[in-house]
Amino acid sequence: MRQALIKLLIAAAIIYASALPALAQNKQQADDQLTALFLFNFVNFAEWPKEAFASADAPIQMCLYGSIPFSSYLNAVDGTLIGSRKLNIKQTQKLDDIRSGCHMLFVSQDRHAELPEFWLDINYYYVLSVGEQEAFTDRGGIINIMRTTDQLTFDINVGNALEAGLFLEADLLHLARKIKQ
């Protein structure tokens, strides 16, 4: 009986160990889906002045700059109406591609080293900037998404949002882990 229990425990341990890569992959996939959902919802809880748009029916431009592993999840909402405006999602590796204008800009981790020059080089007025780098909101960004031990969360720098000409709804601020002025 004891030997059968030991064999059962060893078999369970082997099955569990073989499942760990899949669990880690599923966790990363879940994080990617949640990050995409965050971005989509950030657009819903931000307000741009009418001056931020070329016309009354101009779309909201969401730009994804760098390597974005979750871009396929955002492709599902490309063309969705946000209020009366269509959401247009643009992914690029080139800074020149986003100079034409973005209302929301997600900067990936692989572009982290470019941030100091990035903010000097791009007109980010009326741009809701979102990143995943430590101290992103201290270096000009508005929202920083991060992983704590058990969840994805985000910080908001309200001062940077106001400086960019944006208004963030109170419902979004209530969900933030930390709000900086």
C-alpha atoms as a PDB file:
ATOM      1  CA  MET A   1       0.000   0.000   0.000  1.00  0.00           C
ATOM      2  CA  ARG A   2       2.753   2.434   0.963  1.00  0.00           C
ATOM      3  CA  GLN A   3       4.689   1.660  -2.202  1.00  0.00           C
ATOM      4  CA  ALA A   4       1.577   2.328  -4.317  1.00  0.00           C
ATOM      5  CA  LEU A   5       1.097   5.677  -2.563  1.00  0.00           C
ATOM      6  CA  ILE A   6       4.732   6.625  -3.235  1.00  0.00           C
ATOM      7  CA  LYS A   7       4.341   5.674  -6.921  1.00  0.00           C
ATOM      8  CA  LEU A   8       1.156   7.732  -7.106  1.00  0.00           C
ATOM      9  CA  LEU A   9       2.902  10.753  -5.543  1.00  0.00           C
ATOM     10  CA  ILE A  10       5.862  10.397  -7.906  1.00  0.00           C
ATOM     11  CA  ALA A  11       3.507  10.148 -10.902  1.00  0.00           C
ATOM     12  CA  ALA A  12       1.607  13.224  -9.700  1.00  0.00           C
ATOM     13  CA  ALA A  13       4.901  15.116  -9.245  1.00  0.00           C
ATOM     14  CA  ILE A  14       6.026  14.158 -12.755  1.00  0.00           C
ATOM     15  CA  ILE A  15       2.698  15.242 -14.253  1.00  0.00           C
ATOM     16  CA  TYR A  16       2.806  18.509 -12.293  1.00  0.00           C
ATOM     17  CA  ALA A  17       6.428  19.187 -13.309  1.00  0.00           C
ATOM     18  CA  SER A  18       5.652  18.501 -16.960  1.00  0.00           C
ATOM     19  CA  ALA A  19       2.706  20.907 -16.761  1.00  0.00           C
ATOM     20  CA  LEU A  20       4.772  23.794 -15.336  1.00  0.00           C
ATOM     21  CA  PRO A  21       5.895  25.188 -18.718  1.00  0.00           C
ATOM     22  CA  ALA A  22       2.273  25.134 -19.927  1.00  0.00           C
ATOM     23  CA  LEU A  23       1.111  26.838 -16.709  1.00  0.00           C
ATOM     24  CA  ALA A  24       3.790  29.504 -17.114  1.00  0.00           C
ATOM     25  CA  GLN A  25       2.812  29.960 -20.749  1.00  0.00           C
ATOM     26  CA  ASN A  26      -0.850  30.207 -19.777  1.00  0.00           C
ATOM     27  CA  LYS A  27       0.039  32.779 -17.117  1.00  0.00           C
ATOM     28  CA  GLN A  28       1.950  34.835 -19.707  1.00  0.00           C
ATOM     29  CA  GLN A  29      -0.935  34.483 -22.123  1.00  0.00           C
ATOM     30  CA  ALA A  30      -3.358  35.608 -19.399  1.00  0.00           C
ATOM     31  CA  ASP A  31      -1.095  38.596 -18.618  1.00  0.00           C
ATOM     32  CA  ASP A  32      -1.000  39.500 -22.321  1.00  0.00           C
ATOM     33  CA  GLN A  33      -4.790  39.324 -22.561  1.00  0.00           C
ATOM     34  CA  LEU A  34      -5.176  41.426 -19.427  1.00  0.00           C
ATOM     35  CA  THR A  35      -2.679  44.032 -20.664  1.00  0.00           C
ATOM     36  CA  ALA A  36      -4.617  44.315 -23.930  1.00  0.00           C
ATOM     37  CA  LEU A  37      -7.833  44.664 -21.939  1.00  0.00           C
ATOM     38  CA  PHE A  38      -6.213  47.374 -19.791  1.00  0.00           C
ATOM     39  CA  LEU A  39      -5.241  49.352 -22.899  1.00  0.00           C
ATOM     40  CA  PHE A  40      -8.706  49.074 -24.379  1.00  0.00           C
ATOM     41  CA  ASN A  41     -10.282  50.199 -21.116  1.00  0.00           C
ATOM     42  CA  PHE A  42      -7.814  53.068 -20.637  1.00  0.00           C
ATOM     43  CA  VAL A  43      -9.108  54.491 -23.926  1.00  0.00           C
ATOM     44  CA  ASN A  44     -12.649  54.250 -22.575  1.00  0.00           C
ATOM     45  CA  PHE A  45     -11.777  56.155 -19.381  1.00  0.00           C
ATOM     46  CA  ALA A  46      -9.747  58.955 -20.960  1.00  0.00           C
ATOM     47  CA  GLU A  47     -11.127  62.140 -22.457  1.00  0.00           C
ATOM     48  CA  TRP A  48      -9.450  64.107 -25.210  1.00  0.00           C
ATOM     49  CA  PRO A  49     -10.400  67.675 -26.101  1.00  0.00           C
ATOM     50  CA  LYS A  50     -11.888  68.120 -29.564  1.00  0.00           C
ATOM     51  CA  GLU A  51      -8.665  69.898 -30.586  1.00  0.00           C
ATOM     52  CA  ALA A  52      -6.908  66.512 -30.345  1.00  0.00           C
ATOM     53  CA  PHE A  53      -8.722  65.333 -33.476  1.00  0.00           C
ATOM     54  CA  ALA A  54      -8.446  66.511 -37.075  1.00  0.00           C
ATOM     55  CA  SER A  55     -12.227  66.315 -37.520  1.00  0.00           C
ATOM     56  CA  ALA A  56     -15.421  65.441 -35.665  1.00  0.00           C
ATOM     57  CA  ASP A  57     -15.350  61.894 -37.050  1.00  0.00           C
ATOM     58  CA  ALA A  58     -11.577  61.303 -36.849  1.00  0.00           C
ATOM     59  CA  PRO A  59     -10.711  57.973 -35.198  1.00  0.00           C
ATOM     60  CA  ILE A  60      -8.901  57.457 -31.907  1.00  0.00           C
ATOM     61  CA  GLN A  61      -5.398  56.313 -32.875  1.00  0.00           C
ATOM     62  CA  MET A  62      -3.908  53.663 -30.547  1.00  0.00           C
ATOM     63  CA  CYS A  63      -0.245  53.208 -31.433  1.00  0.00           C
ATOM     64  CA  LEU A  64       1.764  50.208 -30.243  1.00  0.00           C
ATOM     65  CA  TYR A  65       5.470  51.018 -30.410  1.00  0.00           C
ATOM     66  CA  GLY A  66       7.991  48.191 -30.253  1.00  0.00           C
ATOM     67  CA  SER A  67       7.552  44.444 -29.785  1.00  0.00           C
ATOM     68  CA  ILE A  68       4.023  43.900 -28.524  1.00  0.00           C
ATOM     69  CA  PRO A  69       3.264  40.244 -27.755  1.00  0.00           C
ATOM     70  CA  PHE A  70      -0.423  40.970 -27.113  1.00  0.00           C
ATOM     71  CA  SER A  71      -1.171  42.954 -30.271  1.00  0.00           C
ATOM     72  CA  SER A  72      -3.290  40.113 -31.689  1.00  0.00           C
ATOM     73  CA  TYR A  73      -5.736  40.576 -28.805  1.00  0.00           C
ATOM     74  CA  LEU A  74      -6.076  44.269 -29.648  1.00  0.00           C
ATOM     75  CA  ASN A  75      -6.666  43.492 -33.320  1.00  0.00           C
ATOM     76  CA  ALA A  76     -10.012  42.070 -32.198  1.00  0.00           C
ATOM     77  CA  VAL A  77     -11.150  45.550 -31.080  1.00  0.00           C
ATOM     78  CA  ASP A  78      -9.695  47.461 -34.049  1.00  0.00           C
ATOM     79  CA  GLY A  79     -12.579  49.444 -35.527  1.00  0.00           C
ATOM     80  CA  THR A  80     -14.674  49.349 -32.352  1.00  0.00           C
ATOM     81  CA  LEU A  81     -16.587  52.493 -31.482  1.00  0.00           C
ATOM     82  CA  ILE A  82     -15.392  54.387 -28.415  1.00  0.00           C
ATOM     83  CA  GLY A  83     -18.156  56.884 -27.842  1.00  0.00           C
ATOM     84  CA  SER A  84     -18.715  58.284 -31.329  1.00  0.00           C
ATOM     85  CA  ARG A  85     -15.191  57.590 -32.600  1.00  0.00           C
ATOM     86  CA  LYS A  86     -13.761  54.508 -34.222  1.00  0.00           C
ATOM     87  CA  LEU A  87     -10.677  52.956 -32.590  1.00  0.00           C
ATOM     88  CA  ASN A  88      -7.771  52.523 -35.015  1.00  0.00           C
ATOM     89  CA  ILE A  89      -4.877  50.324 -33.856  1.00  0.00           C
ATOM     90  CA  LYS A  90      -1.435  50.806 -35.409  1.00  0.00           C
ATOM     91  CA  GLN A  91       1.604  48.683 -34.484  1.00  0.00           C
ATOM     92  CA  THR A  92       5.074  49.800 -35.503  1.00  0.00           C
ATOM     93  CA  GLN A  93       8.770  49.442 -34.794  1.00  0.00           C
ATOM     94  CA  LYS A  94       9.564  52.866 -36.274  1.00  0.00           C
ATOM     95  CA  LEU A  95       9.309  56.188 -34.483  1.00  0.00           C
ATOM     96  CA  ASP A  96       8.524  57.893 -37.807  1.00  0.00           C
ATOM     97  CA  ASP A  97       5.290  55.891 -38.061  1.00  0.00           C
ATOM     98  CA  ILE A  98       3.885  57.436 -34.884  1.00  0.00           C
ATOM     99  CA  ARG A  99       4.899  61.021 -35.564  1.00  0.00           C
ATOM    100  CA  SER A 100       1.747  61.438 -37.631  1.00  0.00           C
ATOM    101  CA  GLY A 101      -0.245  61.252 -34.422  1.00  0.00           C
ATOM    102  CA  CYS A 102      -1.443  58.946 -31.690  1.00  0.00           C
ATOM    103  CA  HIS A 103      -4.084  59.472 -29.043  1.00  0.00           C
ATOM    104  CA  MET A 104      -2.828  56.540 -27.029  1.00  0.00           C
ATOM    105  CA  LEU A 105       0.728  55.296 -27.237  1.00  0.00           C
ATOM    106  CA  PHE A 106       1.948  52.051 -25.689  1.00  0.00           C
ATOM    107  CA  VAL A 107       5.740  51.842 -25.443  1.00  0.00           C
ATOM    108  CA  SER A 108       7.059  48.281 -25.134  1.00  0.00           C
ATOM    109  CA  GLN A 109       9.872  47.145 -22.862  1.00  0.00           C
ATOM    110  CA  ASP A 110      12.279  46.744 -25.778  1.00  0.00           C
ATOM    111  CA  ARG A 111      12.078  50.522 -26.342  1.00  0.00           C
ATOM    112  CA  HIS A 112      12.914  51.310 -22.708  1.00  0.00           C
ATOM    113  CA  ALA A 113      16.390  52.681 -23.443  1.00  0.00           C
ATOM    114  CA  GLU A 114      14.975  55.150 -25.990  1.00  0.00           C
ATOM    115  CA  LEU A 115      12.640  56.925 -23.547  1.00  0.00           C
ATOM    116  CA  PRO A 116      14.754  60.003 -22.702  1.00  0.00           C
ATOM    117  CA  GLU A 117      15.238  60.897 -26.368  1.00  0.00           C
ATOM    118  CA  PHE A 118      11.772  59.652 -27.225  1.00  0.00           C
ATOM    119  CA  TRP A 119       9.941  62.320 -25.207  1.00  0.00           C
ATOM    120  CA  LEU A 120      12.137  65.055 -26.664  1.00  0.00           C
ATOM    121  CA  ASP A 121      11.645  63.805 -30.210  1.00  0.00           C
ATOM    122  CA  ILE A 122       7.871  63.382 -30.332  1.00  0.00           C
ATOM    123  CA  ASN A 123       4.997  65.786 -29.797  1.00  0.00           C
ATOM    124  CA  TYR A 124       3.035  64.006 -27.095  1.00  0.00           C
ATOM    125  CA  TYR A 125       0.425  66.644 -26.414  1.00  0.00           C
ATOM    126  CA  TYR A 126      -2.996  64.933 -26.242  1.00  0.00           C
ATOM    127  CA  VAL A 127      -1.278  61.525 -26.070  1.00  0.00           C
ATOM    128  CA  LEU A 128      -2.160  59.001 -23.366  1.00  0.00           C
ATOM    129  CA  SER A 129       1.214  57.272 -22.962  1.00  0.00           C
ATOM    130  CA  VAL A 130       1.283  53.792 -21.421  1.00  0.00           C
ATOM    131  CA  GLY A 131       4.284  51.594 -20.667  1.00  0.00           C
ATOM    132  CA  GLU A 132       5.550  48.653 -18.658  1.00  0.00           C
ATOM    133  CA  GLN A 133       8.892  49.995 -17.500  1.00  0.00           C
ATOM    134  CA  GLU A 134       9.878  50.784 -13.942  1.00  0.00           C
ATOM    135  CA  ALA A 135       9.587  54.543 -13.323  1.00  0.00           C
ATOM    136  CA  PHE A 136       7.812  55.065 -16.673  1.00  0.00           C
ATOM    137  CA  THR A 137       5.488  57.611 -15.075  1.00  0.00           C
ATOM    138  CA  ASP A 138       8.482  59.410 -13.540  1.00  0.00           C
ATOM    139  CA  ARG A 139       9.996  59.891 -17.003  1.00  0.00           C
ATOM    140  CA  GLY A 140       6.993  61.452 -18.747  1.00  0.00           C
ATOM    141  CA  GLY A 141       4.595  58.529 -19.120  1.00  0.00           C
ATOM    142  CA  ILE A 142       1.021  58.704 -17.859  1.00  0.00           C
ATOM    143  CA  ILE A 143       0.146  55.070 -17.030  1.00  0.00           C
ATOM    144  CA  ASN A 144       2.549  52.299 -16.076  1.00  0.00           C
ATOM    145  CA  ILE A 145       1.356  48.676 -16.078  1.00  0.00           C
ATOM    146  CA  MET A 146       3.226  46.317 -13.763  1.00  0.00           C
ATOM    147  CA  ARG A 147       3.037  42.862 -12.278  1.00  0.00           C
ATOM    148  CA  THR A 148       2.923  42.450  -8.521  1.00  0.00           C
ATOM    149  CA  THR A 149       3.340  39.011  -6.993  1.00  0.00           C
ATOM    150  CA  ASP A 150      -0.221  37.998  -7.749  1.00  0.00           C
ATOM    151  CA  GLN A 151      -1.740  40.431 -10.256  1.00  0.00           C
ATOM    152  CA  LEU A 152      -1.315  43.012 -12.970  1.00  0.00           C
ATOM    153  CA  THR A 153      -1.946  46.547 -11.815  1.00  0.00           C
ATOM    154  CA  PHE A 154      -1.095  50.089 -12.875  1.00  0.00           C
ATOM    155  CA  ASP A 155       0.096  53.460 -11.616  1.00  0.00           C
ATOM    156  CA  ILE A 156      -1.091  56.797 -12.989  1.00  0.00           C
ATOM    157  CA  ASN A 157       0.697  60.135 -13.107  1.00  0.00           C
ATOM    158  CA  VAL A 158      -2.176  62.654 -13.149  1.00  0.00           C
ATOM    159  CA  GLY A 159       0.231  65.587 -13.499  1.00  0.00           C
ATOM    160  CA  ASN A 160       1.604  64.138 -16.742  1.00  0.00           C
ATOM    161  CA  ALA A 161      -1.964  63.549 -18.000  1.00  0.00           C
ATOM    162  CA  LEU A 162      -2.964  67.153 -17.322  1.00  0.00           C
ATOM    163  CA  GLU A 163       0.261  68.390 -18.907  1.00  0.00           C
ATOM    164  CA  ALA A 164      -0.635  66.361 -22.011  1.00  0.00           C
ATOM    165  CA  GLY A 165      -4.075  67.994 -22.124  1.00  0.00           C
ATOM    166  CA  LEU A 166      -5.988  64.868 -21.052  1.00  0.00           C
ATOM    167  CA  PHE A 167      -8.644  64.177 -18.458  1.00  0.00           C
ATOM    168  CA  LEU A 168      -8.805  60.745 -16.786  1.00  0.00           C
ATOM    169  CA  GLU A 169     -12.113  59.692 -15.273  1.00  0.00           C
ATOM    170  CA  ALA A 170     -12.383  59.092 -11.541  1.00  0.00           C
ATOM    171  CA  ASP A 171     -13.419  55.459 -12.125  1.00  0.00           C
ATOM    172  CA  LEU A 172     -10.011  54.784 -13.678  1.00  0.00           C
ATOM    173  CA  LEU A 173      -8.167  56.597 -10.894  1.00  0.00           C
ATOM    174  CA  HIS A 174      -9.962  54.475  -8.281  1.00  0.00           C
ATOM    175  CA  LEU A 175      -8.584  51.314  -9.894  1.00  0.00           C
ATOM    176  CA  ALA A 176      -4.961  52.502  -9.905  1.00  0.00           C
ATOM    177  CA  ARG A 177      -2.478  51.056  -7.436  1.00  0.00           C
ATOM    178  CA  LYS A 178      -0.781  54.429  -7.035  1.00  0.00           C
ATOM    179  CA  ILE A 179      -1.630  57.928  -8.228  1.00  0.00           C
ATOM    180  CA  LYS A 180       1.158  60.461  -8.651  1.00  0.00           C
ATOM    181  CA  GLN A 181       0.606  64.174  -8.934  1.00  0.00           C
END
